[in-house]
Each structure stands twice: as structure tokens, then as C-alpha cells.
Amino acid sequence: MNRNSRRHSYTKVLDARKHPVRHLYRRNGAFYGRLTVEDEQGRKKLAWVPLAVPTVAQAQKEIRRLLVERADNTLRHYGESPTLEEYYTQTYFDLLTSAGKKHDTVVTERGRLQHWRRGLGHLRLDKIRPTHVQAVFGALLKTLQLRTCNGALCAQQSPQGSKT
């Protein structure tokens, strides 16, 4: 079977002179960019970046913009987002300890965050919705005192917040 005749394959986009455009592909009528990006550990990997544009000219402009963002290290994250558990263990706790807060405050916030880790830790960050938060908060209200639940809500603020 010819590779280009397969159903959901990526095909190179050709410009007006029938030359292939670097980094630009089409799949199911939508445009995609193929970029080399770095993951959290600094390793390089290839990523398919969806481009929300209708024409080839706009897709070329968008891919050029993405290449400039990549060169300037301002390219947004592409790929699978981490789970809440992964974010807490790999990023948030390091920020929490380096934010200049006192040791007792860090211990208190870690304890409060355990409730959210148990309830939402399995979800990816981009999949968490207000209904999930309300469900976990409702479950907390059934088992804990209102003051403890409100403290757990306050623990969700940024560790870079004000020092009080």
C-alpha cells in the first residue's frame, strides 16, 4: 500500500511552486507543524503542533512564528501535560520550599495539599474542571471541619504569593 494513500497520514504541504514547505504537514484537512522541542529534562523530541489556520499561506506564517518562538525560548508547551501529582512532586514542592516561607508554613501547606493530591492527583492539569474541584471540596466537607476545608482551598494559591 502506498504511504500517501493511507487514511490519517501526514502529508507534506507544497507551496505555489510545488516545493515542499519545511516543517509543514497536512492531515485530515488540518495543518500541523513538526518541530523539535525540549522536554522538562532538556531532551529534544519531535512534536506535532496543530495549526488553527485555513490556508497554506497562513500556515507558513504560523510555522515561521513558532520557529522564532522556539529560537527565543518562548515556545509554549506542546504534548501531554503532567498529572496534578507529578506537578506537585516535581515542581510545586520545590517552589514552595524556595519561596522564602517559614518551615512551619511549608509543613502546613503540604498537609493541606494532600487532600487535593488524593482527590485530583490522577487527573492531567489541562483536564481539571471546576466540577472536579467542587466534588473534592464536597467530599472534604463531609469528612472534615469547615475551617480545614477552607484552609485546603487557600493552599491552592501560588507559592510565589505574598509573604505574610
C-alpha atoms as a PDB file:
ATOM      1  CA  MET A   1       0.000   0.000   0.000  1.00  0.00           C
ATOM      2  CA  ASN A   2       1.296   3.461  -0.889  1.00  0.00           C
ATOM      3  CA  ARG A   3       2.113   5.508   2.229  1.00  0.00           C
ATOM      4  CA  ASN A   4       0.289   8.604   0.972  1.00  0.00           C
ATOM      5  CA  SER A   5      -2.918   6.693   0.340  1.00  0.00           C
ATOM      6  CA  ARG A   6      -3.269   5.676   3.993  1.00  0.00           C
ATOM      7  CA  ARG A   7      -6.171   7.191   5.785  1.00  0.00           C
ATOM      8  CA  HIS A   8      -4.852   9.501   8.503  1.00  0.00           C
ATOM      9  CA  SER A   9      -1.279  10.052   7.369  1.00  0.00           C
ATOM     10  CA  TYR A  10       0.634  13.295   7.489  1.00  0.00           C
ATOM     11  CA  THR A  11       1.461  14.618   4.019  1.00  0.00           C
ATOM     12  CA  LYS A  12       3.941  17.347   3.178  1.00  0.00           C
ATOM     13  CA  VAL A  13       2.437  20.694   2.218  1.00  0.00           C
ATOM     14  CA  LEU A  14       3.567  22.125  -1.114  1.00  0.00           C
ATOM     15  CA  ASP A  15       3.875  25.842  -1.825  1.00  0.00           C
ATOM     16  CA  ALA A  16       2.681  27.605  -5.004  1.00  0.00           C
ATOM     17  CA  ARG A  17       5.770  26.405  -6.907  1.00  0.00           C
ATOM     18  CA  LYS A  18       5.107  22.781  -5.843  1.00  0.00           C
ATOM     19  CA  HIS A  19       8.086  22.741  -3.486  1.00  0.00           C
ATOM     20  CA  PRO A  20       7.647  21.151  -0.054  1.00  0.00           C
ATOM     21  CA  VAL A  21       7.422  23.602   2.851  1.00  0.00           C
ATOM     22  CA  ARG A  22       9.776  22.700   5.696  1.00  0.00           C
ATOM     23  CA  HIS A  23       8.119  21.669   8.956  1.00  0.00           C
ATOM     24  CA  LEU A  24       4.604  21.884   7.486  1.00  0.00           C
ATOM     25  CA  TYR A  25       2.231  18.927   7.061  1.00  0.00           C
ATOM     26  CA  ARG A  26      -1.458  18.329   6.441  1.00  0.00           C
ATOM     27  CA  ARG A  27      -3.655  15.654   7.991  1.00  0.00           C
ATOM     28  CA  ASN A  28      -7.430  15.328   7.582  1.00  0.00           C
ATOM     29  CA  GLY A  29      -7.594  18.821   6.092  1.00  0.00           C
ATOM     30  CA  ALA A  30      -5.836  20.486   9.065  1.00  0.00           C
ATOM     31  CA  PHE A  31      -2.307  21.859   9.123  1.00  0.00           C
ATOM     32  CA  TYR A  32       0.392  20.631  11.514  1.00  0.00           C
ATOM     33  CA  GLY A  33       3.908  21.767  12.221  1.00  0.00           C
ATOM     34  CA  ARG A  34       6.667  19.266  13.002  1.00  0.00           C
ATOM     35  CA  LEU A  35       9.070  20.872  15.457  1.00  0.00           C
ATOM     36  CA  THR A  36      11.929  19.709  17.610  1.00  0.00           C
ATOM     37  CA  VAL A  37      11.253  20.828  21.182  1.00  0.00           C
ATOM     38  CA  GLU A  38      12.869  20.206  24.554  1.00  0.00           C
ATOM     39  CA  ASP A  39      11.035  18.414  27.332  1.00  0.00           C
ATOM     40  CA  GLU A  40      11.352  19.178  31.064  1.00  0.00           C
ATOM     41  CA  GLN A  41      14.634  17.224  31.345  1.00  0.00           C
ATOM     42  CA  GLY A  42      16.214  19.094  28.419  1.00  0.00           C
ATOM     43  CA  ARG A  43      15.949  16.183  25.987  1.00  0.00           C
ATOM     44  CA  LYS A  44      14.970  17.009  22.420  1.00  0.00           C
ATOM     45  CA  LYS A  45      11.924  15.359  20.903  1.00  0.00           C
ATOM     46  CA  LEU A  46       9.748  15.812  17.830  1.00  0.00           C
ATOM     47  CA  ALA A  47       6.259  17.232  18.372  1.00  0.00           C
ATOM     48  CA  TRP A  48       3.272  17.630  16.058  1.00  0.00           C
ATOM     49  CA  VAL A  49       1.895  21.124  16.632  1.00  0.00           C
ATOM     50  CA  PRO A  50      -1.672  21.722  15.400  1.00  0.00           C
ATOM     51  CA  LEU A  51      -2.096  24.992  13.491  1.00  0.00           C
ATOM     52  CA  ALA A  52      -5.560  26.562  13.517  1.00  0.00           C
ATOM     53  CA  VAL A  53      -5.354  28.243  10.110  1.00  0.00           C
ATOM     54  CA  PRO A  54      -7.347  27.624   6.907  1.00  0.00           C
ATOM     55  CA  THR A  55      -4.804  28.359   4.142  1.00  0.00           C
ATOM     56  CA  VAL A  56      -1.276  27.346   3.195  1.00  0.00           C
ATOM     57  CA  ALA A  57      -0.022  30.950   3.321  1.00  0.00           C
ATOM     58  CA  GLN A  58      -1.329  31.419   6.856  1.00  0.00           C
ATOM     59  CA  ALA A  59       0.131  28.057   7.884  1.00  0.00           C
ATOM     60  CA  GLN A  60       3.544  29.136   6.560  1.00  0.00           C
ATOM     61  CA  LYS A  61       3.318  32.373   8.540  1.00  0.00           C
ATOM     62  CA  GLU A  62       2.304  30.489  11.682  1.00  0.00           C
ATOM     63  CA  ILE A  63       5.121  27.942  11.379  1.00  0.00           C
ATOM     64  CA  ARG A  64       7.643  30.781  10.956  1.00  0.00           C
ATOM     65  CA  ARG A  65       6.266  32.389  14.126  1.00  0.00           C
ATOM     66  CA  LEU A  66       6.634  29.095  16.016  1.00  0.00           C
ATOM     67  CA  LEU A  67      10.224  28.728  14.834  1.00  0.00           C
ATOM     68  CA  VAL A  68      11.020  32.236  16.098  1.00  0.00           C
ATOM     69  CA  GLU A  69       9.376  31.451  19.450  1.00  0.00           C
ATOM     70  CA  ARG A  70      11.449  28.277  19.684  1.00  0.00           C
ATOM     71  CA  ALA A  71      14.642  30.214  18.995  1.00  0.00           C
ATOM     72  CA  ASP A  72      13.706  32.811  21.653  1.00  0.00           C
ATOM     73  CA  ASN A  73      12.767  30.101  24.210  1.00  0.00           C
ATOM     74  CA  THR A  74       9.216  31.447  24.437  1.00  0.00           C
ATOM     75  CA  LEU A  75       7.539  28.466  22.771  1.00  0.00           C
ATOM     76  CA  ARG A  76       4.562  27.223  24.779  1.00  0.00           C
ATOM     77  CA  HIS A  77       4.416  23.620  25.944  1.00  0.00           C
ATOM     78  CA  TYR A  78       3.246  21.011  23.437  1.00  0.00           C
ATOM     79  CA  GLY A  79       2.470  17.460  24.279  1.00  0.00           C
ATOM     80  CA  GLU A  80       0.886  15.784  27.251  1.00  0.00           C
ATOM     81  CA  SER A  81       0.539  17.875  30.379  1.00  0.00           C
ATOM     82  CA  PRO A  82       1.576  16.346  33.718  1.00  0.00           C
ATOM     83  CA  THR A  83      -0.855  14.978  36.258  1.00  0.00           C
ATOM     84  CA  LEU A  84      -1.520  17.028  39.375  1.00  0.00           C
ATOM     85  CA  GLU A  85       0.514  14.508  41.383  1.00  0.00           C
ATOM     86  CA  GLU A  86       3.504  14.859  39.021  1.00  0.00           C
ATOM     87  CA  TYR A  87       3.249  18.660  39.123  1.00  0.00           C
ATOM     88  CA  TYR A  88       3.202  18.721  42.917  1.00  0.00           C
ATOM     89  CA  THR A  89       6.142  16.355  43.332  1.00  0.00           C
ATOM     90  CA  GLN A  90       8.345  17.648  40.510  1.00  0.00           C
ATOM     91  CA  THR A  91       7.633  21.396  40.502  1.00  0.00           C
ATOM     92  CA  TYR A  92       5.350  22.809  43.164  1.00  0.00           C
ATOM     93  CA  PHE A  93       7.071  21.490  46.299  1.00  0.00           C
ATOM     94  CA  ASP A  94      10.430  22.847  45.112  1.00  0.00           C
ATOM     95  CA  LEU A  95       8.833  26.257  44.546  1.00  0.00           C
ATOM     96  CA  LEU A  96       7.114  26.064  47.919  1.00  0.00           C
ATOM     97  CA  THR A  97      10.349  25.472  49.828  1.00  0.00           C
ATOM     98  CA  SER A  98      12.285  28.106  47.879  1.00  0.00           C
ATOM     99  CA  ALA A  99       9.569  30.787  48.193  1.00  0.00           C
ATOM    100  CA  GLY A 100      11.029  32.068  51.463  1.00  0.00           C
ATOM    101  CA  LYS A 101       8.219  30.771  53.648  1.00  0.00           C
ATOM    102  CA  LYS A 102       8.877  29.579  57.173  1.00  0.00           C
ATOM    103  CA  HIS A 103       9.272  25.864  57.775  1.00  0.00           C
ATOM    104  CA  ASP A 104       6.004  25.528  59.727  1.00  0.00           C
ATOM    105  CA  THR A 105       4.074  27.263  56.919  1.00  0.00           C
ATOM    106  CA  VAL A 106       5.537  24.855  54.344  1.00  0.00           C
ATOM    107  CA  VAL A 107       4.598  21.855  56.512  1.00  0.00           C
ATOM    108  CA  THR A 108       1.046  23.187  56.950  1.00  0.00           C
ATOM    109  CA  GLU A 109       0.577  23.799  53.222  1.00  0.00           C
ATOM    110  CA  ARG A 110       1.947  20.364  52.350  1.00  0.00           C
ATOM    111  CA  GLY A 111      -0.612  18.817  54.664  1.00  0.00           C
ATOM    112  CA  ARG A 112      -3.426  20.824  53.137  1.00  0.00           C
ATOM    113  CA  LEU A 113      -2.339  19.912  49.620  1.00  0.00           C
ATOM    114  CA  GLN A 114      -2.572  16.203  50.452  1.00  0.00           C
ATOM    115  CA  HIS A 115      -6.357  16.481  50.191  1.00  0.00           C
ATOM    116  CA  TRP A 116      -6.112  17.729  46.605  1.00  0.00           C
ATOM    117  CA  ARG A 117      -3.485  15.147  45.704  1.00  0.00           C
ATOM    118  CA  ARG A 118      -5.765  12.344  46.888  1.00  0.00           C
ATOM    119  CA  GLY A 119      -8.818  13.722  45.079  1.00  0.00           C
ATOM    120  CA  LEU A 120      -7.355  15.126  41.857  1.00  0.00           C
ATOM    121  CA  GLY A 121      -3.815  13.709  41.666  1.00  0.00           C
ATOM    122  CA  HIS A 122      -4.661  11.270  38.871  1.00  0.00           C
ATOM    123  CA  LEU A 123      -6.012  13.990  36.531  1.00  0.00           C
ATOM    124  CA  ARG A 124      -3.888  15.854  34.000  1.00  0.00           C
ATOM    125  CA  LEU A 125      -3.646  19.600  34.648  1.00  0.00           C
ATOM    126  CA  ASP A 126      -5.437  20.553  31.442  1.00  0.00           C
ATOM    127  CA  LYS A 127      -8.328  18.185  32.261  1.00  0.00           C
ATOM    128  CA  ILE A 128      -9.183  19.543  35.738  1.00  0.00           C
ATOM    129  CA  ARG A 129     -12.534  21.340  35.667  1.00  0.00           C
ATOM    130  CA  PRO A 130     -14.471  23.312  38.305  1.00  0.00           C
ATOM    131  CA  THR A 131     -16.802  20.337  38.742  1.00  0.00           C
ATOM    132  CA  HIS A 132     -13.834  18.195  39.820  1.00  0.00           C
ATOM    133  CA  VAL A 133     -12.787  20.790  42.392  1.00  0.00           C
ATOM    134  CA  GLN A 134     -16.363  21.106  43.673  1.00  0.00           C
ATOM    135  CA  ALA A 135     -16.685  17.331  44.006  1.00  0.00           C
ATOM    136  CA  VAL A 136     -13.471  17.046  46.019  1.00  0.00           C
ATOM    137  CA  PHE A 137     -14.436  20.014  48.175  1.00  0.00           C
ATOM    138  CA  GLY A 138     -17.870  18.476  48.794  1.00  0.00           C
ATOM    139  CA  ALA A 139     -16.228  15.205  49.851  1.00  0.00           C
ATOM    140  CA  LEU A 140     -13.902  17.132  52.170  1.00  0.00           C
ATOM    141  CA  LEU A 141     -16.878  18.909  53.768  1.00  0.00           C
ATOM    142  CA  LYS A 142     -18.436  15.538  54.627  1.00  0.00           C
ATOM    143  CA  THR A 143     -15.354  14.306  56.484  1.00  0.00           C
ATOM    144  CA  LEU A 144     -13.562  17.427  57.773  1.00  0.00           C
ATOM    145  CA  GLN A 145     -14.380  20.628  59.603  1.00  0.00           C
ATOM    146  CA  LEU A 146     -15.219  23.741  57.579  1.00  0.00           C
ATOM    147  CA  ARG A 147     -12.052  25.545  58.739  1.00  0.00           C
ATOM    148  CA  THR A 148      -9.873  22.670  57.483  1.00  0.00           C
ATOM    149  CA  CYS A 149     -11.656  22.669  54.120  1.00  0.00           C
ATOM    150  CA  ASN A 150     -11.225  26.419  53.749  1.00  0.00           C
ATOM    151  CA  GLY A 151      -7.532  26.027  54.568  1.00  0.00           C
ATOM    152  CA  ALA A 152      -7.239  23.420  51.825  1.00  0.00           C
ATOM    153  CA  LEU A 153      -8.784  25.906  49.394  1.00  0.00           C
ATOM    154  CA  CYS A 154      -6.300  28.589  50.451  1.00  0.00           C
ATOM    155  CA  ALA A 155      -3.399  26.186  49.910  1.00  0.00           C
ATOM    156  CA  GLN A 156      -4.162  26.203  46.181  1.00  0.00           C
ATOM    157  CA  GLN A 157      -2.725  29.696  45.732  1.00  0.00           C
ATOM    158  CA  SER A 158       0.650  30.250  44.091  1.00  0.00           C
ATOM    159  CA  PRO A 159       3.777  29.677  46.218  1.00  0.00           C
ATOM    160  CA  GLN A 160       5.179  32.919  44.786  1.00  0.00           C
ATOM    161  CA  GLY A 161       2.381  34.878  46.509  1.00  0.00           C
ATOM    162  CA  SER A 162       2.780  37.462  49.230  1.00  0.00           C
ATOM    163  CA  LYS A 163       4.750  36.598  52.353  1.00  0.00           C
ATOM    164  CA  THR A 164       2.684  37.137  55.473  1.00  0.00           C
END
